[in-house]
């Protein structure tokens, strides 16, 4: 998960290694990216739950939701 987070965040790792980029700024960027994906996922779960309150009673509901999102 951390590698995916690094890939999705615009951080110049070479500049970080050279000290040209502040470590705190890099960490803040990673946190912001993680929070964005988390909030987006929670919004999707909320919308699905509002459409069908019993949707998440199925054992494979989260997997089904992920597979449906990949089709889009």
N, C-alpha and C. Protein backbone atom coordinates (compact mmCIF):
# COMPACT_ATOMS: atom_id res chain seq x y z
N UNK A 1 0.82 -1.17 0.00
CA UNK A 1 0.00 0.00 0.00
C UNK A 1 0.88 1.26 0.00
N UNK A 2 1.97 1.20 0.72
CA UNK A 2 2.85 2.36 0.78
C UNK A 2 3.47 2.67 -0.57
N UNK A 3 3.83 1.65 -1.32
CA UNK A 3 4.42 1.86 -2.65
C UNK A 3 3.38 2.50 -3.57
N UNK A 4 2.13 2.05 -3.50
CA UNK A 4 1.07 2.66 -4.30
C UNK A 4 0.87 4.12 -3.91
N UNK A 5 0.95 4.39 -2.63
CA UNK A 5 0.83 5.76 -2.15
C UNK A 5 1.96 6.64 -2.69
N UNK A 6 3.17 6.11 -2.69
CA UNK A 6 4.30 6.85 -3.26
C UNK A 6 4.10 7.09 -4.75
N UNK A 7 3.56 6.10 -5.46
CA UNK A 7 3.35 6.24 -6.90
C UNK A 7 2.28 7.28 -7.21
N UNK A 8 1.28 7.40 -6.37
CA UNK A 8 0.18 8.33 -6.61
C UNK A 8 0.46 9.74 -6.10
N UNK A 9 1.52 9.92 -5.34
CA UNK A 9 1.86 11.22 -4.78
C UNK A 9 3.02 11.82 -5.56
N UNK A 10 2.90 13.10 -5.88
CA UNK A 10 3.94 13.77 -6.66
C UNK A 10 5.06 14.24 -5.73
N UNK A 11 6.00 13.34 -5.47
CA UNK A 11 7.15 13.65 -4.62
C UNK A 11 8.42 13.33 -5.41
N UNK A 12 9.34 14.27 -5.45
CA UNK A 12 10.62 14.06 -6.10
C UNK A 12 11.55 13.39 -5.09
N UNK A 13 11.70 12.08 -5.21
CA UNK A 13 12.49 11.33 -4.24
C UNK A 13 13.98 11.69 -4.31
N UNK A 14 14.45 12.07 -5.48
CA UNK A 14 15.86 12.47 -5.60
C UNK A 14 16.08 13.77 -4.83
N UNK A 15 15.16 14.72 -4.99
CA UNK A 15 15.27 15.99 -4.26
C UNK A 15 15.17 15.75 -2.75
N UNK A 16 14.33 14.81 -2.37
CA UNK A 16 14.20 14.46 -0.94
C UNK A 16 15.51 13.89 -0.42
N UNK A 17 16.12 13.02 -1.21
CA UNK A 17 17.39 12.40 -0.81
C UNK A 17 18.52 13.44 -0.71
N UNK A 18 18.52 14.42 -1.63
CA UNK A 18 19.55 15.45 -1.62
C UNK A 18 19.31 16.51 -0.54
N UNK A 19 18.14 16.49 0.06
CA UNK A 19 17.83 17.48 1.08
C UNK A 19 17.21 18.75 0.53
N UNK A 20 16.90 18.74 -0.77
CA UNK A 20 16.29 19.90 -1.40
C UNK A 20 14.80 20.00 -1.08
N UNK A 21 14.22 18.89 -0.70
CA UNK A 21 12.80 18.83 -0.34
C UNK A 21 12.71 18.49 1.15
N UNK A 22 11.92 19.26 1.87
CA UNK A 22 11.77 19.07 3.30
C UNK A 22 11.01 17.76 3.57
N UNK A 23 11.48 16.99 4.52
CA UNK A 23 10.84 15.72 4.87
C UNK A 23 9.41 15.92 5.34
N UNK A 24 9.18 16.98 6.11
CA UNK A 24 7.83 17.26 6.60
C UNK A 24 6.86 17.51 5.46
N UNK A 25 7.32 18.22 4.43
CA UNK A 25 6.48 18.49 3.27
C UNK A 25 6.15 17.19 2.52
N UNK A 26 7.12 16.31 2.41
CA UNK A 26 6.90 15.02 1.75
C UNK A 26 5.88 14.19 2.52
N UNK A 27 6.01 14.17 3.83
CA UNK A 27 5.08 13.41 4.67
C UNK A 27 3.67 14.00 4.57
N UNK A 28 3.58 15.33 4.57
CA UNK A 28 2.27 15.99 4.44
C UNK A 28 1.62 15.64 3.11
N UNK A 29 2.40 15.58 2.05
CA UNK A 29 1.86 15.20 0.74
C UNK A 29 1.34 13.77 0.74
N UNK A 30 2.10 12.87 1.37
CA UNK A 30 1.66 11.48 1.46
C UNK A 30 0.37 11.36 2.28
N UNK A 31 0.30 12.08 3.36
CA UNK A 31 -0.91 12.05 4.21
C UNK A 31 -2.10 12.61 3.44
N UNK A 32 -1.89 13.69 2.71
CA UNK A 32 -2.98 14.29 1.94
C UNK A 32 -3.51 13.31 0.89
N UNK A 33 -2.61 12.62 0.21
CA UNK A 33 -3.02 11.64 -0.79
C UNK A 33 -3.80 10.50 -0.14
N UNK A 34 -3.30 10.00 0.98
CA UNK A 34 -3.98 8.89 1.68
C UNK A 34 -5.36 9.32 2.15
N UNK A 35 -5.47 10.52 2.68
CA UNK A 35 -6.76 11.02 3.15
C UNK A 35 -7.74 11.18 1.99
N UNK A 36 -7.25 11.61 0.84
CA UNK A 36 -8.12 11.77 -0.33
C UNK A 36 -8.70 10.44 -0.77
N UNK A 37 -7.87 9.42 -0.84
CA UNK A 37 -8.36 8.10 -1.23
C UNK A 37 -9.30 7.52 -0.16
N UNK A 38 -8.98 7.74 1.10
CA UNK A 38 -9.84 7.25 2.18
C UNK A 38 -11.21 7.92 2.12
N UNK A 39 -11.22 9.24 2.00
CA UNK A 39 -12.49 9.96 1.95
C UNK A 39 -13.31 9.55 0.72
N UNK A 40 -12.64 9.36 -0.41
CA UNK A 40 -13.35 8.92 -1.61
C UNK A 40 -13.99 7.55 -1.41
N UNK A 41 -13.27 6.64 -0.78
CA UNK A 41 -13.82 5.31 -0.51
C UNK A 41 -15.00 5.36 0.44
N UNK A 42 -14.90 6.20 1.46
CA UNK A 42 -16.00 6.33 2.40
C UNK A 42 -17.24 6.93 1.75
N UNK A 43 -17.04 7.85 0.83
CA UNK A 43 -18.17 8.42 0.09
C UNK A 43 -18.84 7.34 -0.76
N UNK A 44 -18.05 6.50 -1.42
CA UNK A 44 -18.61 5.41 -2.22
C UNK A 44 -19.41 4.44 -1.34
N UNK A 45 -18.88 4.12 -0.17
CA UNK A 45 -19.58 3.21 0.74
C UNK A 45 -20.89 3.85 1.21
N UNK A 46 -20.86 5.13 1.53
CA UNK A 46 -22.06 5.83 1.98
C UNK A 46 -23.13 5.83 0.89
N UNK A 47 -22.74 6.13 -0.34
CA UNK A 47 -23.69 6.16 -1.45
C UNK A 47 -24.30 4.79 -1.69
N UNK A 48 -23.47 3.75 -1.65
CA UNK A 48 -23.96 2.39 -1.86
C UNK A 48 -24.91 1.99 -0.75
N UNK A 49 -24.60 2.38 0.47
CA UNK A 49 -25.46 2.07 1.62
C UNK A 49 -26.79 2.82 1.55
N UNK A 50 -26.75 4.05 1.05
CA UNK A 50 -28.00 4.81 0.91
C UNK A 50 -28.89 4.23 -0.18
N UNK A 51 -28.28 3.72 -1.26
CA UNK A 51 -29.05 3.11 -2.34
C UNK A 51 -29.69 1.80 -1.89
N UNK A 52 -28.95 1.02 -1.12
CA UNK A 52 -29.44 -0.28 -0.66
C UNK A 52 -28.90 -0.53 0.75
N UNK A 53 -29.72 -0.29 1.79
CA UNK A 53 -29.24 -0.43 3.17
C UNK A 53 -28.74 -1.85 3.52
N UNK A 54 -29.18 -2.85 2.79
CA UNK A 54 -28.79 -4.24 3.08
C UNK A 54 -27.61 -4.70 2.22
N UNK A 55 -27.05 -3.82 1.41
CA UNK A 55 -26.00 -4.21 0.47
C UNK A 55 -24.80 -4.84 1.18
N UNK A 56 -24.39 -4.29 2.29
CA UNK A 56 -23.18 -4.76 2.96
C UNK A 56 -23.42 -5.95 3.89
N UNK A 57 -24.60 -6.54 3.83
CA UNK A 57 -24.87 -7.77 4.58
C UNK A 57 -24.38 -8.99 3.82
N UNK A 58 -24.08 -8.83 2.54
CA UNK A 58 -23.55 -9.92 1.72
C UNK A 58 -22.08 -10.15 2.05
N UNK A 59 -21.64 -11.40 2.08
CA UNK A 59 -20.24 -11.66 2.43
C UNK A 59 -19.22 -11.11 1.43
N UNK A 60 -19.62 -10.94 0.18
CA UNK A 60 -18.68 -10.45 -0.83
C UNK A 60 -19.00 -9.03 -1.28
N UNK A 61 -19.73 -8.28 -0.48
CA UNK A 61 -20.20 -6.96 -0.90
C UNK A 61 -19.05 -5.99 -1.21
N UNK A 62 -18.02 -5.96 -0.39
CA UNK A 62 -16.91 -5.03 -0.65
C UNK A 62 -16.14 -5.44 -1.89
N UNK A 63 -15.94 -6.73 -2.08
CA UNK A 63 -15.27 -7.20 -3.28
C UNK A 63 -16.10 -6.87 -4.51
N UNK A 64 -17.41 -7.08 -4.44
CA UNK A 64 -18.29 -6.74 -5.56
C UNK A 64 -18.23 -5.26 -5.87
N UNK A 65 -18.18 -4.44 -4.85
CA UNK A 65 -18.12 -2.99 -5.04
C UNK A 65 -16.81 -2.60 -5.74
N UNK A 66 -15.71 -3.22 -5.36
CA UNK A 66 -14.41 -2.94 -5.98
C UNK A 66 -14.43 -3.37 -7.45
N UNK A 67 -14.98 -4.56 -7.71
CA UNK A 67 -15.03 -5.05 -9.08
C UNK A 67 -15.93 -4.17 -9.95
N UNK A 68 -17.03 -3.68 -9.39
CA UNK A 68 -17.91 -2.77 -10.13
C UNK A 68 -17.19 -1.46 -10.44
N UNK A 69 -16.40 -0.97 -9.51
CA UNK A 69 -15.67 0.29 -9.73
C UNK A 69 -14.61 0.13 -10.81
N UNK A 70 -14.02 -1.05 -10.92
CA UNK A 70 -12.99 -1.28 -11.95
C UNK A 70 -13.58 -1.29 -13.34
N UNK A 71 -14.85 -1.65 -13.47
CA UNK A 71 -15.50 -1.71 -14.79
C UNK A 71 -15.74 -0.33 -15.36
N UNK A 72 -15.80 0.67 -14.49
CA UNK A 72 -16.11 2.04 -14.94
C UNK A 72 -14.93 2.69 -15.54
